[in-house]
Amino acid sequence: MENGKQPAYPIIGEQGFVELNEEGLTKREAFAMAAMQGMVTTVHLPNCPSADILADMAVNQADELLKALEK
């Protein structure tokens, strides 16, 4: 499974094995959420980009982080 599509918070089963959690956020979604939270808290309102631009920036940051983790 592609790294960005893996669950952000896998479940550890009774035997200690990681079980894929099909519910919840993927790693990509969790990284994008964290990036967007950081951007929103540091943006000054008069210069604030639109929500769709912020969302695109957050997803791009998540994708770049996933690429860097593959190295």
N, C-alpha and C. Protein backbone atom coordinates (compact mmCIF):
# COMPACT_ATOMS: atom_id res chain seq x y z
N MET A 1 0.84 -1.17 0.00
CA MET A 1 0.00 0.00 0.00
C MET A 1 0.89 1.24 0.00
N GLU A 2 0.54 2.20 -0.82
CA GLU A 2 1.28 3.46 -0.91
C GLU A 2 1.31 4.14 0.46
N ASN A 3 2.45 4.71 0.82
CA ASN A 3 2.65 5.30 2.15
C ASN A 3 1.58 6.31 2.50
N GLY A 4 1.23 7.21 1.59
CA GLY A 4 0.26 8.25 1.88
C GLY A 4 -1.14 7.74 2.07
N LYS A 5 -1.42 6.51 1.62
CA LYS A 5 -2.75 5.93 1.77
C LYS A 5 -2.86 5.01 2.99
N GLN A 6 -1.75 4.83 3.69
CA GLN A 6 -1.77 4.01 4.89
C GLN A 6 -2.47 4.78 6.01
N PRO A 7 -3.04 4.08 6.97
CA PRO A 7 -3.74 4.78 8.05
C PRO A 7 -2.77 5.59 8.90
N ALA A 8 -3.22 6.76 9.31
CA ALA A 8 -2.39 7.61 10.17
C ALA A 8 -2.28 7.02 11.57
N TYR A 9 -3.31 6.32 11.99
CA TYR A 9 -3.35 5.77 13.34
C TYR A 9 -3.76 4.30 13.28
N PRO A 10 -2.82 3.41 12.92
CA PRO A 10 -3.15 2.00 12.83
C PRO A 10 -3.48 1.43 14.21
N ILE A 11 -4.17 0.32 14.20
CA ILE A 11 -4.57 -0.34 15.44
C ILE A 11 -3.59 -1.49 15.69
N ILE A 12 -3.14 -1.60 16.92
CA ILE A 12 -2.29 -2.72 17.30
C ILE A 12 -3.20 -3.80 17.87
N GLY A 13 -3.20 -4.96 17.23
CA GLY A 13 -4.07 -6.06 17.64
C GLY A 13 -3.57 -6.77 18.89
N GLU A 14 -4.34 -7.75 19.31
CA GLU A 14 -4.03 -8.49 20.53
C GLU A 14 -2.68 -9.20 20.45
N GLN A 15 -2.30 -9.66 19.28
CA GLN A 15 -1.04 -10.38 19.12
C GLN A 15 0.14 -9.44 18.89
N GLY A 16 -0.10 -8.13 18.93
CA GLY A 16 0.97 -7.16 18.72
C GLY A 16 1.19 -6.80 17.27
N PHE A 17 0.37 -7.33 16.37
CA PHE A 17 0.51 -7.02 14.94
C PHE A 17 -0.30 -5.77 14.61
N VAL A 18 0.21 -5.02 13.67
CA VAL A 18 -0.51 -3.83 13.21
C VAL A 18 -1.65 -4.27 12.32
N GLU A 19 -2.82 -3.80 12.63
CA GLU A 19 -4.00 -4.05 11.80
C GLU A 19 -4.34 -2.76 11.08
N LEU A 20 -4.60 -2.85 9.79
CA LEU A 20 -4.95 -1.65 9.05
C LEU A 20 -6.33 -1.19 9.45
N ASN A 21 -6.42 0.07 9.78
CA ASN A 21 -7.69 0.66 10.16
C ASN A 21 -8.25 1.38 8.94
N GLU A 22 -9.29 0.83 8.35
CA GLU A 22 -9.87 1.40 7.14
C GLU A 22 -10.64 2.68 7.43
N GLU A 23 -10.97 2.89 8.67
CA GLU A 23 -11.69 4.09 9.06
C GLU A 23 -10.69 5.14 9.52
N GLY A 24 -11.06 6.39 9.44
CA GLY A 24 -10.19 7.45 9.92
C GLY A 24 -9.33 8.03 8.83
N LEU A 25 -8.35 8.79 9.25
CA LEU A 25 -7.50 9.54 8.33
C LEU A 25 -6.36 8.70 7.77
N THR A 26 -6.01 9.01 6.52
CA THR A 26 -4.77 8.46 5.96
C THR A 26 -3.62 9.33 6.43
N LYS A 27 -2.40 8.85 6.22
CA LYS A 27 -1.23 9.66 6.57
C LYS A 27 -1.26 10.99 5.80
N ARG A 28 -1.61 10.93 4.53
CA ARG A 28 -1.65 12.15 3.70
C ARG A 28 -2.65 13.15 4.27
N GLU A 29 -3.82 12.67 4.65
CA GLU A 29 -4.83 13.56 5.21
C GLU A 29 -4.37 14.15 6.55
N ALA A 30 -3.74 13.34 7.39
CA ALA A 30 -3.27 13.82 8.68
C ALA A 30 -2.17 14.86 8.50
N PHE A 31 -1.24 14.61 7.57
CA PHE A 31 -0.17 15.58 7.31
C PHE A 31 -0.74 16.88 6.76
N ALA A 32 -1.72 16.79 5.85
CA ALA A 32 -2.34 17.99 5.28
C ALA A 32 -3.07 18.77 6.38
N MET A 33 -3.74 18.07 7.28
CA MET A 33 -4.44 18.73 8.37
C MET A 33 -3.46 19.50 9.25
N ALA A 34 -2.35 18.88 9.59
CA ALA A 34 -1.35 19.54 10.43
C ALA A 34 -0.75 20.75 9.72
N ALA A 35 -0.48 20.61 8.43
CA ALA A 35 0.07 21.73 7.67
C ALA A 35 -0.92 22.89 7.63
N MET A 36 -2.19 22.59 7.40
CA MET A 36 -3.20 23.64 7.32
C MET A 36 -3.38 24.32 8.68
N GLN A 37 -3.34 23.55 9.75
CA GLN A 37 -3.46 24.15 11.08
C GLN A 37 -2.32 25.13 11.32
N GLY A 38 -1.12 24.74 10.93
CA GLY A 38 0.02 25.64 11.09
C GLY A 38 -0.11 26.90 10.26
N MET A 39 -0.57 26.75 9.03
CA MET A 39 -0.72 27.92 8.16
C MET A 39 -1.79 28.86 8.67
N VAL A 40 -2.91 28.31 9.11
CA VAL A 40 -4.02 29.15 9.57
C VAL A 40 -3.63 29.94 10.81
N THR A 41 -2.83 29.36 11.68
CA THR A 41 -2.46 30.06 12.91
C THR A 41 -1.41 31.14 12.68
N THR A 42 -0.73 31.11 11.54
CA THR A 42 0.32 32.10 11.28
C THR A 42 -0.05 33.13 10.22
N VAL A 43 -1.21 32.97 9.59
CA VAL A 43 -1.63 33.90 8.53
C VAL A 43 -2.27 35.12 9.16
N HIS A 44 -1.89 36.29 8.67
CA HIS A 44 -2.51 37.53 9.13
C HIS A 44 -3.72 37.81 8.26
N LEU A 45 -4.82 38.14 8.88
CA LEU A 45 -6.10 38.26 8.18
C LEU A 45 -6.06 39.17 6.95
N PRO A 46 -5.44 40.33 6.97
CA PRO A 46 -5.47 41.16 5.75
C PRO A 46 -4.77 40.49 4.56
N ASN A 47 -3.82 39.62 4.83
CA ASN A 47 -3.06 38.97 3.76
C ASN A 47 -3.44 37.51 3.57
N CYS A 48 -4.52 37.10 4.18
CA CYS A 48 -4.92 35.69 4.19
C CYS A 48 -5.35 35.23 2.80
N PRO A 49 -4.74 34.16 2.28
CA PRO A 49 -5.21 33.59 1.01
C PRO A 49 -6.58 32.95 1.21
N SER A 50 -7.26 32.72 0.13
CA SER A 50 -8.58 32.09 0.21
C SER A 50 -8.45 30.67 0.74
N ALA A 51 -9.57 30.12 1.21
CA ALA A 51 -9.58 28.77 1.80
C ALA A 51 -9.12 27.72 0.79
N ASP A 52 -9.50 27.86 -0.48
CA ASP A 52 -9.10 26.85 -1.46
C ASP A 52 -7.60 26.91 -1.72
N ILE A 53 -7.02 28.09 -1.67
CA ILE A 53 -5.56 28.21 -1.83
C ILE A 53 -4.85 27.59 -0.63
N LEU A 54 -5.34 27.88 0.58
CA LEU A 54 -4.76 27.27 1.78
C LEU A 54 -4.85 25.75 1.72
N ALA A 55 -5.99 25.24 1.28
CA ALA A 55 -6.16 23.79 1.18
C ALA A 55 -5.16 23.18 0.19
N ASP A 56 -5.00 23.82 -0.96
CA ASP A 56 -4.03 23.33 -1.95
C ASP A 56 -2.61 23.36 -1.40
N MET A 57 -2.27 24.43 -0.68
CA MET A 57 -0.94 24.54 -0.09
C MET A 57 -0.72 23.42 0.94
N ALA A 58 -1.73 23.13 1.75
CA ALA A 58 -1.60 22.09 2.77
C ALA A 58 -1.41 20.72 2.14
N VAL A 59 -2.16 20.43 1.09
CA VAL A 59 -2.02 19.13 0.41
C VAL A 59 -0.64 19.03 -0.25
N ASN A 60 -0.17 20.12 -0.84
CA ASN A 60 1.17 20.12 -1.44
C ASN A 60 2.24 19.86 -0.39
N GLN A 61 2.10 20.48 0.78
CA GLN A 61 3.05 20.25 1.87
C GLN A 61 3.02 18.79 2.31
N ALA A 62 1.83 18.21 2.40
CA ALA A 62 1.71 16.80 2.79
C ALA A 62 2.40 15.90 1.77
N ASP A 63 2.17 16.19 0.49
CA ASP A 63 2.81 15.38 -0.57
C ASP A 63 4.32 15.48 -0.53
N GLU A 64 4.84 16.68 -0.28
CA GLU A 64 6.29 16.86 -0.20
C GLU A 64 6.88 16.13 1.00
N LEU A 65 6.16 16.14 2.12
CA LEU A 65 6.63 15.40 3.30
C LEU A 65 6.66 13.90 3.01
N LEU A 66 5.63 13.39 2.37
CA LEU A 66 5.61 11.96 2.03
C LEU A 66 6.76 11.61 1.09
N LYS A 67 7.06 12.47 0.13
CA LYS A 67 8.21 12.23 -0.77
C LYS A 67 9.51 12.19 0.01
N ALA A 68 9.67 13.14 0.92
CA ALA A 68 10.90 13.19 1.71
C ALA A 68 11.05 11.95 2.59
N LEU A 69 9.95 11.43 3.09
CA LEU A 69 10.00 10.23 3.92
C LEU A 69 10.36 8.99 3.14
N GLU A 70 10.17 9.02 1.84
CA GLU A 70 10.50 7.88 0.97
C GLU A 70 11.99 7.79 0.67
N LYS A 71 12.73 8.84 0.92
CA LYS A 71 14.17 8.88 0.59
C LYS A 71 14.96 8.03 1.54
